[in-house]
């Protein structure tokens, strides 16, 4: 039997941490899932323990709801993708109009594995940080893709999973605001200090918006969102 618990795709970045807080605010049991696919910014996975501890310390009800953490190795995905996220090459646009940080099929694979784990763990809700507002045009981040995949997963596993994407229609400034609404300044500080988003995997110096190289697309997007958030 499925219960009303949730499984959150939790990378250790800003978006997935905000989504985890969102889930903890709504579901009675929440587990987390990270993927190791040989990503260049694998340091994000090393942030996850501190983030989970920080969220537990923030609110007693969140501490009671936060359950097990899982990590799945997907080295084959990194091996066949040959993108700027899985090898040390310059980040640039490709002929098709997508940046070479696009890992083909990544979210499709992630959500399929998440559903398989949710099936085994008896969880109905699956939460991901996909966003169609501030994104690089990745087709597997689109709302239509997620809705289509929800249908396929439910047909293929004979379940009634619900795929939640709380960031789908908000920009990065609103993602910062959502974190503040959920956990106040304490959650904003946790996101700034302990999450990792930089595509190059550089913790680097502490900026007002967090650690990172400051020049890759992920850092630029996060920094721009912070400036709009902090100035608004």
C-alpha atoms as a PDB file:
ATOM      1  CA  UNK A   1       0.000   0.000   0.000  1.00  0.00           C
ATOM      2  CA  UNK A   2       1.150   3.494  -0.799  1.00  0.00           C
ATOM      3  CA  UNK A   3       0.989   6.116   1.932  1.00  0.00           C
ATOM      4  CA  UNK A   4       0.996   9.883   1.589  1.00  0.00           C
ATOM      5  CA  UNK A   5       4.729  10.139   2.169  1.00  0.00           C
ATOM      6  CA  UNK A   6       7.095  11.768  -0.297  1.00  0.00           C
ATOM      7  CA  UNK A   7      10.422  11.055  -1.955  1.00  0.00           C
ATOM      8  CA  UNK A   8      12.429  14.179  -2.823  1.00  0.00           C
ATOM      9  CA  UNK A   9      15.086  14.274  -5.535  1.00  0.00           C
ATOM     10  CA  UNK A  10      17.783  15.870  -3.401  1.00  0.00           C
ATOM     11  CA  UNK A  11      21.061  16.836  -5.062  1.00  0.00           C
ATOM     12  CA  UNK A  12      22.413  19.206  -2.429  1.00  0.00           C
ATOM     13  CA  UNK A  13      21.695  22.305  -4.498  1.00  0.00           C
ATOM     14  CA  UNK A  14      19.557  25.369  -3.880  1.00  0.00           C
ATOM     15  CA  UNK A  15      16.493  24.134  -5.747  1.00  0.00           C
ATOM     16  CA  UNK A  16      16.359  20.646  -4.279  1.00  0.00           C
ATOM     17  CA  UNK A  17      16.923  21.958  -0.749  1.00  0.00           C
ATOM     18  CA  UNK A  18      14.021  24.355  -1.165  1.00  0.00           C
ATOM     19  CA  UNK A  19      11.921  21.493  -2.508  1.00  0.00           C
ATOM     20  CA  UNK A  20      12.865  19.362   0.491  1.00  0.00           C
ATOM     21  CA  UNK A  21      11.679  22.079   2.870  1.00  0.00           C
ATOM     22  CA  UNK A  22       8.485  22.378   0.798  1.00  0.00           C
ATOM     23  CA  UNK A  23       7.870  18.632   1.155  1.00  0.00           C
ATOM     24  CA  UNK A  24       8.634  18.620   4.880  1.00  0.00           C
ATOM     25  CA  UNK A  25       5.994  21.308   5.281  1.00  0.00           C
ATOM     26  CA  UNK A  26       3.349  19.130   3.598  1.00  0.00           C
ATOM     27  CA  UNK A  27       3.903  15.400   3.954  1.00  0.00           C
ATOM     28  CA  UNK A  28       3.986  13.194   7.067  1.00  0.00           C
ATOM     29  CA  UNK A  29       7.048  11.210   5.951  1.00  0.00           C
ATOM     30  CA  UNK A  30       9.777  12.449   3.636  1.00  0.00           C
ATOM     31  CA  UNK A  31      12.758  10.516   2.275  1.00  0.00           C
ATOM     32  CA  UNK A  32      15.506  11.851   0.022  1.00  0.00           C
ATOM     33  CA  UNK A  33      17.282  10.487  -3.035  1.00  0.00           C
ATOM     34  CA  UNK A  34      20.522  11.617  -4.653  1.00  0.00           C
ATOM     35  CA  UNK A  35      22.218  10.408  -7.827  1.00  0.00           C
ATOM     36  CA  UNK A  36      25.916   9.955  -8.483  1.00  0.00           C
ATOM     37  CA  UNK A  37      26.342   9.959 -12.253  1.00  0.00           C
ATOM     38  CA  UNK A  38      29.942  11.140 -12.389  1.00  0.00           C
ATOM     39  CA  UNK A  39      28.903  14.780 -12.390  1.00  0.00           C
ATOM     40  CA  UNK A  40      31.669  17.344 -12.501  1.00  0.00           C
ATOM     41  CA  UNK A  41      30.058  19.109  -9.533  1.00  0.00           C
ATOM     42  CA  UNK A  42      29.909  15.962  -7.424  1.00  0.00           C
ATOM     43  CA  UNK A  43      30.707  18.100  -4.370  1.00  0.00           C
ATOM     44  CA  UNK A  44      26.954  18.776  -4.253  1.00  0.00           C
ATOM     45  CA  UNK A  45      26.418  15.254  -2.938  1.00  0.00           C
ATOM     46  CA  UNK A  46      28.808  15.940  -0.072  1.00  0.00           C
ATOM     47  CA  UNK A  47      26.604  18.855   1.055  1.00  0.00           C
ATOM     48  CA  UNK A  48      23.551  16.706   1.627  1.00  0.00           C
ATOM     49  CA  UNK A  49      24.267  15.479   5.164  1.00  0.00           C
ATOM     50  CA  UNK A  50      24.834  18.990   6.505  1.00  0.00           C
ATOM     51  CA  UNK A  51      21.678  20.214   4.796  1.00  0.00           C
ATOM     52  CA  UNK A  52      19.554  17.410   6.207  1.00  0.00           C
ATOM     53  CA  UNK A  53      20.976  18.091   9.677  1.00  0.00           C
ATOM     54  CA  UNK A  54      20.309  21.803   9.291  1.00  0.00           C
ATOM     55  CA  UNK A  55      16.697  21.206   8.296  1.00  0.00           C
ATOM     56  CA  UNK A  56      16.187  18.860  11.230  1.00  0.00           C
ATOM     57  CA  UNK A  57      17.533  21.473  13.630  1.00  0.00           C
ATOM     58  CA  UNK A  58      15.321  24.166  12.169  1.00  0.00           C
ATOM     59  CA  UNK A  59      11.944  22.766  13.166  1.00  0.00           C
ATOM     60  CA  UNK A  60      10.970  19.844  15.408  1.00  0.00           C
ATOM     61  CA  UNK A  61       8.135  18.807  13.074  1.00  0.00           C
ATOM     62  CA  UNK A  62      10.564  18.643  10.149  1.00  0.00           C
ATOM     63  CA  UNK A  63      12.953  16.548  12.222  1.00  0.00           C
ATOM     64  CA  UNK A  64      10.154  14.091  12.974  1.00  0.00           C
ATOM     65  CA  UNK A  65       9.134  13.826   9.319  1.00  0.00           C
ATOM     66  CA  UNK A  66      12.566  13.509   7.690  1.00  0.00           C
ATOM     67  CA  UNK A  67      13.281   9.870   7.009  1.00  0.00           C
ATOM     68  CA  UNK A  68      15.950   7.871   5.217  1.00  0.00           C
ATOM     69  CA  UNK A  69      18.379   9.155   2.615  1.00  0.00           C
ATOM     70  CA  UNK A  70      19.272   7.094  -0.459  1.00  0.00           C
ATOM     71  CA  UNK A  71      22.003   7.431  -3.076  1.00  0.00           C
ATOM     72  CA  UNK A  72      21.899   5.653  -6.431  1.00  0.00           C
ATOM     73  CA  UNK A  73      24.947   5.280  -8.649  1.00  0.00           C
ATOM     74  CA  UNK A  74      24.309   5.981 -12.332  1.00  0.00           C
ATOM     75  CA  UNK A  75      27.820   5.969 -13.760  1.00  0.00           C
ATOM     76  CA  UNK A  76      26.509   4.725 -17.113  1.00  0.00           C
ATOM     77  CA  UNK A  77      24.532   7.948 -17.575  1.00  0.00           C
ATOM     78  CA  UNK A  78      27.659  10.036 -17.178  1.00  0.00           C
ATOM     79  CA  UNK A  79      29.655   7.723 -19.408  1.00  0.00           C
ATOM     80  CA  UNK A  80      27.322   7.967 -22.388  1.00  0.00           C
ATOM     81  CA  UNK A  81      26.351  11.626 -22.056  1.00  0.00           C
ATOM     82  CA  UNK A  82      29.752  13.309 -22.580  1.00  0.00           C
ATOM     83  CA  UNK A  83      28.544  16.746 -21.558  1.00  0.00           C
ATOM     84  CA  UNK A  84      30.116  19.704 -19.787  1.00  0.00           C
ATOM     85  CA  UNK A  85      28.571  18.403 -16.565  1.00  0.00           C
ATOM     86  CA  UNK A  86      30.372  15.075 -16.813  1.00  0.00           C
ATOM     87  CA  UNK A  87      33.751  16.041 -18.284  1.00  0.00           C
ATOM     88  CA  UNK A  88      36.182  18.912 -17.961  1.00  0.00           C
ATOM     89  CA  UNK A  89      35.371  20.992 -21.039  1.00  0.00           C
ATOM     90  CA  UNK A  90      34.300  24.599 -21.562  1.00  0.00           C
ATOM     91  CA  UNK A  91      30.631  25.374 -21.045  1.00  0.00           C
ATOM     92  CA  UNK A  92      29.155  26.674 -24.306  1.00  0.00           C
ATOM     93  CA  UNK A  93      26.116  26.602 -26.566  1.00  0.00           C
ATOM     94  CA  UNK A  94      25.769  23.827 -29.124  1.00  0.00           C
ATOM     95  CA  UNK A  95      24.372  23.967 -32.646  1.00  0.00           C
ATOM     96  CA  UNK A  96      20.940  22.765 -31.591  1.00  0.00           C
ATOM     97  CA  UNK A  97      20.449  25.745 -29.296  1.00  0.00           C
ATOM     98  CA  UNK A  98      20.999  23.890 -26.025  1.00  0.00           C
ATOM     99  CA  UNK A  99      24.022  24.406 -23.765  1.00  0.00           C
ATOM    100  CA  UNK A 100      26.459  21.523 -23.545  1.00  0.00           C
ATOM    101  CA  UNK A 101      25.509  21.174 -19.879  1.00  0.00           C
ATOM    102  CA  UNK A 102      22.366  19.329 -21.023  1.00  0.00           C
ATOM    103  CA  UNK A 103      22.574  15.664 -19.998  1.00  0.00           C
ATOM    104  CA  UNK A 104      20.163  13.879 -22.362  1.00  0.00           C
ATOM    105  CA  UNK A 105      17.477  11.950 -20.528  1.00  0.00           C
ATOM    106  CA  UNK A 106      18.772  12.834 -17.057  1.00  0.00           C
ATOM    107  CA  UNK A 107      15.466  13.810 -15.477  1.00  0.00           C
ATOM    108  CA  UNK A 108      13.664  10.967 -17.232  1.00  0.00           C
ATOM    109  CA  UNK A 109      16.135   8.506 -15.727  1.00  0.00           C
ATOM    110  CA  UNK A 110      16.093  10.208 -12.324  1.00  0.00           C
ATOM    111  CA  UNK A 111      12.322  10.149 -12.036  1.00  0.00           C
ATOM    112  CA  UNK A 112      12.076   6.559 -13.254  1.00  0.00           C
ATOM    113  CA  UNK A 113      14.550   5.395 -10.611  1.00  0.00           C
ATOM    114  CA  UNK A 114      12.791   7.572  -8.049  1.00  0.00           C
ATOM    115  CA  UNK A 115       9.471   5.939  -8.872  1.00  0.00           C
ATOM    116  CA  UNK A 116      11.013   2.477  -8.578  1.00  0.00           C
ATOM    117  CA  UNK A 117      12.352   3.385  -5.130  1.00  0.00           C
ATOM    118  CA  UNK A 118       9.059   5.021  -4.123  1.00  0.00           C
ATOM    119  CA  UNK A 119       7.283   1.827  -5.178  1.00  0.00           C
ATOM    120  CA  UNK A 120       9.494  -0.226  -2.865  1.00  0.00           C
ATOM    121  CA  UNK A 121       9.274   2.301  -0.014  1.00  0.00           C
ATOM    122  CA  UNK A 122       5.499   2.685  -0.277  1.00  0.00           C
ATOM    123  CA  UNK A 123       5.631   6.413  -1.077  1.00  0.00           C
ATOM    124  CA  UNK A 124       3.090   8.099  -3.321  1.00  0.00           C
ATOM    125  CA  UNK A 125       4.521  11.587  -3.873  1.00  0.00           C
ATOM    126  CA  UNK A 126       7.738  12.342  -5.791  1.00  0.00           C
ATOM    127  CA  UNK A 127       9.137  15.879  -5.626  1.00  0.00           C
ATOM    128  CA  UNK A 128      11.661  17.406  -8.039  1.00  0.00           C
ATOM    129  CA  UNK A 129      13.143  20.856  -8.619  1.00  0.00           C
ATOM    130  CA  UNK A 130      12.446  21.049 -12.360  1.00  0.00           C
ATOM    131  CA  UNK A 131      11.664  24.568 -13.536  1.00  0.00           C
ATOM    132  CA  UNK A 132      10.469  25.981 -16.856  1.00  0.00           C
ATOM    133  CA  UNK A 133      10.920  29.634 -15.874  1.00  0.00           C
ATOM    134  CA  UNK A 134      14.622  30.091 -15.069  1.00  0.00           C
ATOM    135  CA  UNK A 135      16.234  27.278 -17.039  1.00  0.00           C
ATOM    136  CA  UNK A 136      18.489  26.689 -20.006  1.00  0.00           C
ATOM    137  CA  UNK A 137      15.861  25.241 -22.316  1.00  0.00           C
ATOM    138  CA  UNK A 138      16.369  21.673 -21.114  1.00  0.00           C
ATOM    139  CA  UNK A 139      13.434  19.727 -22.607  1.00  0.00           C
ATOM    140  CA  UNK A 140      13.284  17.322 -19.664  1.00  0.00           C
ATOM    141  CA  UNK A 141      12.551  20.248 -17.304  1.00  0.00           C
ATOM    142  CA  UNK A 142       9.334  21.193 -19.098  1.00  0.00           C
ATOM    143  CA  UNK A 143       5.959  20.792 -17.427  1.00  0.00           C
ATOM    144  CA  UNK A 144       4.659  18.784 -20.398  1.00  0.00           C
ATOM    145  CA  UNK A 145       7.538  16.321 -20.002  1.00  0.00           C
ATOM    146  CA  UNK A 146       6.838  15.809 -16.292  1.00  0.00           C
ATOM    147  CA  UNK A 147       3.106  15.327 -16.865  1.00  0.00           C
ATOM    148  CA  UNK A 148       3.743  12.810 -19.632  1.00  0.00           C
ATOM    149  CA  UNK A 149       6.218  10.915 -17.485  1.00  0.00           C
ATOM    150  CA  UNK A 150       3.763  10.776 -14.578  1.00  0.00           C
ATOM    151  CA  UNK A 151       1.278   9.030 -16.859  1.00  0.00           C
ATOM    152  CA  UNK A 152       3.915   6.596 -18.124  1.00  0.00           C
ATOM    153  CA  UNK A 153       5.165   5.742 -14.623  1.00  0.00           C
ATOM    154  CA  UNK A 154       1.669   5.151 -13.316  1.00  0.00           C
ATOM    155  CA  UNK A 155       0.797   2.931 -16.259  1.00  0.00           C
ATOM    156  CA  UNK A 156       4.072   1.035 -16.116  1.00  0.00           C
ATOM    157  CA  UNK A 157       4.063   0.451 -12.352  1.00  0.00           C
ATOM    158  CA  UNK A 158       0.303   0.266 -11.750  1.00  0.00           C
ATOM    159  CA  UNK A 159       0.486   3.019  -9.144  1.00  0.00           C
ATOM    160  CA  UNK A 160      -0.910   6.489  -8.620  1.00  0.00           C
ATOM    161  CA  UNK A 161       2.268   8.457  -8.153  1.00  0.00           C
ATOM    162  CA  UNK A 162       1.999  12.238  -8.093  1.00  0.00           C
ATOM    163  CA  UNK A 163       5.015  14.138  -9.447  1.00  0.00           C
ATOM    164  CA  UNK A 164       5.336  17.538  -7.773  1.00  0.00           C
ATOM    165  CA  UNK A 165       7.437  20.381  -9.209  1.00  0.00           C
ATOM    166  CA  UNK A 166       6.941  23.320  -6.817  1.00  0.00           C
ATOM    167  CA  UNK A 167       9.466  25.502  -8.668  1.00  0.00           C
ATOM    168  CA  UNK A 168       8.072  24.924 -12.164  1.00  0.00           C
ATOM    169  CA  UNK A 169       6.574  28.387 -12.692  1.00  0.00           C
ATOM    170  CA  UNK A 170       8.743  30.584 -10.465  1.00  0.00           C
ATOM    171  CA  UNK A 171      12.087  32.254 -11.134  1.00  0.00           C
ATOM    172  CA  UNK A 172      15.209  32.159  -8.960  1.00  0.00           C
ATOM    173  CA  UNK A 173      14.240  35.267  -7.004  1.00  0.00           C
ATOM    174  CA  UNK A 174      10.954  33.595  -6.115  1.00  0.00           C
ATOM    175  CA  UNK A 175      12.824  30.421  -5.181  1.00  0.00           C
ATOM    176  CA  UNK A 176      14.760  32.464  -2.608  1.00  0.00           C
ATOM    177  CA  UNK A 177      11.450  33.948  -1.418  1.00  0.00           C
ATOM    178  CA  UNK A 178       9.908  30.496  -1.126  1.00  0.00           C
ATOM    179  CA  UNK A 179      12.809  29.382   1.076  1.00  0.00           C
ATOM    180  CA  UNK A 180      12.254  32.402   3.303  1.00  0.00           C
ATOM    181  CA  UNK A 181       8.513  31.748   3.476  1.00  0.00           C
ATOM    182  CA  UNK A 182       9.117  28.131   4.471  1.00  0.00           C
ATOM    183  CA  UNK A 183      11.930  28.514   6.975  1.00  0.00           C
ATOM    184  CA  UNK A 184      12.590  32.210   7.480  1.00  0.00           C
ATOM    185  CA  UNK A 185      16.077  33.694   7.513  1.00  0.00           C
ATOM    186  CA  UNK A 186      17.470  30.461   8.965  1.00  0.00           C
ATOM    187  CA  UNK A 187      16.591  28.509   5.835  1.00  0.00           C
ATOM    188  CA  UNK A 188      17.916  31.271   3.575  1.00  0.00           C
ATOM    189  CA  UNK A 189      21.230  31.149   5.475  1.00  0.00           C
ATOM    190  CA  UNK A 190      21.362  27.366   5.188  1.00  0.00           C
ATOM    191  CA  UNK A 191      20.848  27.597   1.424  1.00  0.00           C
ATOM    192  CA  UNK A 192      23.489  30.315   1.084  1.00  0.00           C
ATOM    193  CA  UNK A 193      26.123  28.617   3.215  1.00  0.00           C
ATOM    194  CA  UNK A 194      25.668  24.889   2.666  1.00  0.00           C
ATOM    195  CA  UNK A 195      24.103  24.191  -0.748  1.00  0.00           C
ATOM    196  CA  UNK A 196      26.103  23.803  -3.962  1.00  0.00           C
ATOM    197  CA  UNK A 197      24.970  24.805  -7.453  1.00  0.00           C
ATOM    198  CA  UNK A 198      28.159  25.709  -9.375  1.00  0.00           C
ATOM    199  CA  UNK A 199      28.532  23.577 -12.512  1.00  0.00           C
ATOM    200  CA  UNK A 200      32.312  23.619 -12.206  1.00  0.00           C
ATOM    201  CA  UNK A 201      32.158  22.069  -8.761  1.00  0.00           C
ATOM    202  CA  UNK A 202      34.049  24.961  -7.184  1.00  0.00           C
ATOM    203  CA  UNK A 203      33.143  25.891  -3.640  1.00  0.00           C
ATOM    204  CA  UNK A 204      35.243  29.021  -4.067  1.00  0.00           C
ATOM    205  CA  UNK A 205      34.873  32.135  -1.929  1.00  0.00           C
ATOM    206  CA  UNK A 206      31.636  32.940  -0.124  1.00  0.00           C
ATOM    207  CA  UNK A 207      29.500  35.331  -2.170  1.00  0.00           C
ATOM    208  CA  UNK A 208      26.327  36.944  -0.803  1.00  0.00           C
ATOM    209  CA  UNK A 209      24.397  34.188  -2.619  1.00  0.00           C
ATOM    210  CA  UNK A 210      26.694  31.297  -1.663  1.00  0.00           C
ATOM    211  CA  UNK A 211      29.768  29.411  -2.875  1.00  0.00           C
ATOM    212  CA  UNK A 212      30.755  28.952  -6.509  1.00  0.00           C
ATOM    213  CA  UNK A 213      32.944  30.114  -9.369  1.00  0.00           C
ATOM    214  CA  UNK A 214      30.578  33.018 -10.029  1.00  0.00           C
ATOM    215  CA  UNK A 215      30.800  32.790 -13.829  1.00  0.00           C
ATOM    216  CA  UNK A 216      29.177  29.523 -14.930  1.00  0.00           C
ATOM    217  CA  UNK A 217      25.488  29.615 -15.968  1.00  0.00           C
ATOM    218  CA  UNK A 218      24.333  28.076 -12.671  1.00  0.00           C
ATOM    219  CA  UNK A 219      26.211  30.647 -10.580  1.00  0.00           C
ATOM    220  CA  UNK A 220      25.047  33.545 -12.745  1.00  0.00           C
ATOM    221  CA  UNK A 221      21.422  32.436 -12.488  1.00  0.00           C
ATOM    222  CA  UNK A 222      21.638  31.964  -8.734  1.00  0.00           C
ATOM    223  CA  UNK A 223      23.398  35.325  -8.229  1.00  0.00           C
ATOM    224  CA  UNK A 224      20.912  37.217 -10.402  1.00  0.00           C
ATOM    225  CA  UNK A 225      18.016  35.699  -8.481  1.00  0.00           C
ATOM    226  CA  UNK A 226      19.644  36.678  -5.197  1.00  0.00           C
ATOM    227  CA  UNK A 227      20.073  40.287  -6.316  1.00  0.00           C
ATOM    228  CA  UNK A 228      16.385  40.541  -7.239  1.00  0.00           C
ATOM    229  CA  UNK A 229      15.403  38.846  -3.980  1.00  0.00           C
ATOM    230  CA  UNK A 230      17.665  40.923  -1.758  1.00  0.00           C
ATOM    231  CA  UNK A 231      16.728  44.168  -3.438  1.00  0.00           C
ATOM    232  CA  UNK A 232      13.006  43.556  -3.455  1.00  0.00           C
END
